[in-house]
Amino acid sequence: MLHFAGSYIITDMSYHFLEKRMNKNKALLCSVLIGVGVGVTKEIIDKNWGNGAERGDLIADGLGISFSIIIIKF
């Protein structure tokens, strides 16, 4: 649940920050890439220094990002 919420918040907040500085489609793309980047980076850190990367965390990240896209678009 934490990964879902974190990815949703990061994607949504970065979109609302970026939409004031560029067109909405580009802002959405950049915010999705930011969300993915943060999620993947977290899993790399977990793999190297934590308890190991988990596929479920990446799935939750993807769902949080997808939910953010749905909320932004509709």
C-alpha atoms as a PDB file:
ATOM      1  CA  MET A   1       0.000   0.000   0.000  1.00  0.00           C
ATOM      2  CA  LEU A   2       2.890   2.354   0.741  1.00  0.00           C
ATOM      3  CA  HIS A   3       4.371   1.920  -2.740  1.00  0.00           C
ATOM      4  CA  PHE A   4       0.986   2.544  -4.364  1.00  0.00           C
ATOM      5  CA  ALA A   5       0.399   5.723  -2.362  1.00  0.00           C
ATOM      6  CA  GLY A   6       3.971   6.959  -2.777  1.00  0.00           C
ATOM      7  CA  SER A   7       3.965   6.490  -6.541  1.00  0.00           C
ATOM      8  CA  TYR A   8       0.555   8.110  -6.851  1.00  0.00           C
ATOM      9  CA  ILE A   9       1.615  11.151  -4.819  1.00  0.00           C
ATOM     10  CA  ILE A  10       4.966  11.577  -6.590  1.00  0.00           C
ATOM     11  CA  THR A  11       3.376  11.316 -10.050  1.00  0.00           C
ATOM     12  CA  ASP A  12       0.465  13.601  -9.201  1.00  0.00           C
ATOM     13  CA  MET A  13       2.541  16.275  -7.475  1.00  0.00           C
ATOM     14  CA  SER A  14       5.192  16.328 -10.193  1.00  0.00           C
ATOM     15  CA  TYR A  15       2.463  16.653 -12.842  1.00  0.00           C
ATOM     16  CA  HIS A  16       0.848  19.625 -11.120  1.00  0.00           C
ATOM     17  CA  PHE A  17       4.258  21.256 -10.720  1.00  0.00           C
ATOM     18  CA  LEU A  18       5.231  20.657 -14.355  1.00  0.00           C
ATOM     19  CA  GLU A  19       1.907  21.534 -16.011  1.00  0.00           C
ATOM     20  CA  LYS A  20       2.530  25.196 -15.173  1.00  0.00           C
ATOM     21  CA  ARG A  21       5.868  25.078 -16.977  1.00  0.00           C
ATOM     22  CA  MET A  22       5.122  23.002 -20.113  1.00  0.00           C
ATOM     23  CA  ASN A  23       2.190  21.612 -22.087  1.00  0.00           C
ATOM     24  CA  LYS A  24      -0.003  19.073 -20.327  1.00  0.00           C
ATOM     25  CA  ASN A  25       0.969  16.020 -22.405  1.00  0.00           C
ATOM     26  CA  LYS A  26       4.671  16.610 -21.866  1.00  0.00           C
ATOM     27  CA  ALA A  27       4.066  17.253 -18.160  1.00  0.00           C
ATOM     28  CA  LEU A  28       2.188  13.951 -17.881  1.00  0.00           C
ATOM     29  CA  LEU A  29       4.962  12.036 -19.628  1.00  0.00           C
ATOM     30  CA  CYS A  30       7.639  13.617 -17.440  1.00  0.00           C
ATOM     31  CA  SER A  31       5.684  12.976 -14.246  1.00  0.00           C
ATOM     32  CA  VAL A  32       5.197   9.296 -15.185  1.00  0.00           C
ATOM     33  CA  LEU A  33       8.931   8.980 -15.865  1.00  0.00           C
ATOM     34  CA  ILE A  34       9.676  10.578 -12.498  1.00  0.00           C
ATOM     35  CA  GLY A  35       7.346   8.128 -10.755  1.00  0.00           C
ATOM     36  CA  VAL A  36       8.901   5.147 -12.538  1.00  0.00           C
ATOM     37  CA  GLY A  37      12.407   6.425 -11.835  1.00  0.00           C
ATOM     38  CA  VAL A  38      11.754   6.793  -8.128  1.00  0.00           C
ATOM     39  CA  GLY A  39      10.159   3.335  -7.896  1.00  0.00           C
ATOM     40  CA  VAL A  40      12.962   1.588  -9.777  1.00  0.00           C
ATOM     41  CA  THR A  41      15.631   3.464  -7.814  1.00  0.00           C
ATOM     42  CA  LYS A  42      13.992   2.359  -4.557  1.00  0.00           C
ATOM     43  CA  GLU A  43      14.075  -1.273  -5.673  1.00  0.00           C
ATOM     44  CA  ILE A  44      17.737  -0.999  -6.711  1.00  0.00           C
ATOM     45  CA  ILE A  45      18.552   0.380  -3.268  1.00  0.00           C
ATOM     46  CA  ASP A  46      16.567  -2.450  -1.637  1.00  0.00           C
ATOM     47  CA  LYS A  47      18.377  -5.032  -3.759  1.00  0.00           C
ATOM     48  CA  ASN A  48      21.843  -3.725  -2.944  1.00  0.00           C
ATOM     49  CA  TRP A  49      21.474  -2.547   0.661  1.00  0.00           C
ATOM     50  CA  GLY A  50      18.134  -3.771   1.941  1.00  0.00           C
ATOM     51  CA  ASN A  51      16.160  -6.984   2.120  1.00  0.00           C
ATOM     52  CA  GLY A  52      16.044  -7.476  -1.639  1.00  0.00           C
ATOM     53  CA  ALA A  53      13.856  -6.155  -4.416  1.00  0.00           C
ATOM     54  CA  GLU A  54      10.257  -7.343  -4.566  1.00  0.00           C
ATOM     55  CA  ARG A  55       8.130  -7.721  -7.675  1.00  0.00           C
ATOM     56  CA  GLY A  56       5.040  -6.769  -5.670  1.00  0.00           C
ATOM     57  CA  ASP A  57       6.529  -3.379  -4.875  1.00  0.00           C
ATOM     58  CA  LEU A  58       7.044  -2.625  -8.566  1.00  0.00           C
ATOM     59  CA  ILE A  59       3.491  -3.756  -9.330  1.00  0.00           C
ATOM     60  CA  ALA A  60       2.168  -1.434  -6.607  1.00  0.00           C
ATOM     61  CA  ASP A  61       4.288   1.398  -8.041  1.00  0.00           C
ATOM     62  CA  GLY A  62       2.806   0.782 -11.490  1.00  0.00           C
ATOM     63  CA  LEU A  63      -0.722   0.735 -10.113  1.00  0.00           C
ATOM     64  CA  GLY A  64      -0.149   3.995  -8.228  1.00  0.00           C
ATOM     65  CA  ILE A  65       1.213   5.664 -11.355  1.00  0.00           C
ATOM     66  CA  SER A  66      -1.685   4.308 -13.433  1.00  0.00           C
ATOM     67  CA  PHE A  67      -4.223   5.572 -10.904  1.00  0.00           C
ATOM     68  CA  SER A  68      -2.579   8.996 -11.008  1.00  0.00           C
ATOM     69  CA  ILE A  69      -2.853   9.062 -14.818  1.00  0.00           C
ATOM     70  CA  ILE A  70      -6.550   8.170 -14.589  1.00  0.00           C
ATOM     71  CA  ILE A  71      -7.207  10.923 -12.047  1.00  0.00           C
ATOM     72  CA  ILE A  72      -5.243  13.496 -14.069  1.00  0.00           C
ATOM     73  CA  LYS A  73      -6.902  12.625 -17.392  1.00  0.00           C
ATOM     74  CA  PHE A  74     -10.489  12.390 -16.118  1.00  0.00           C
END
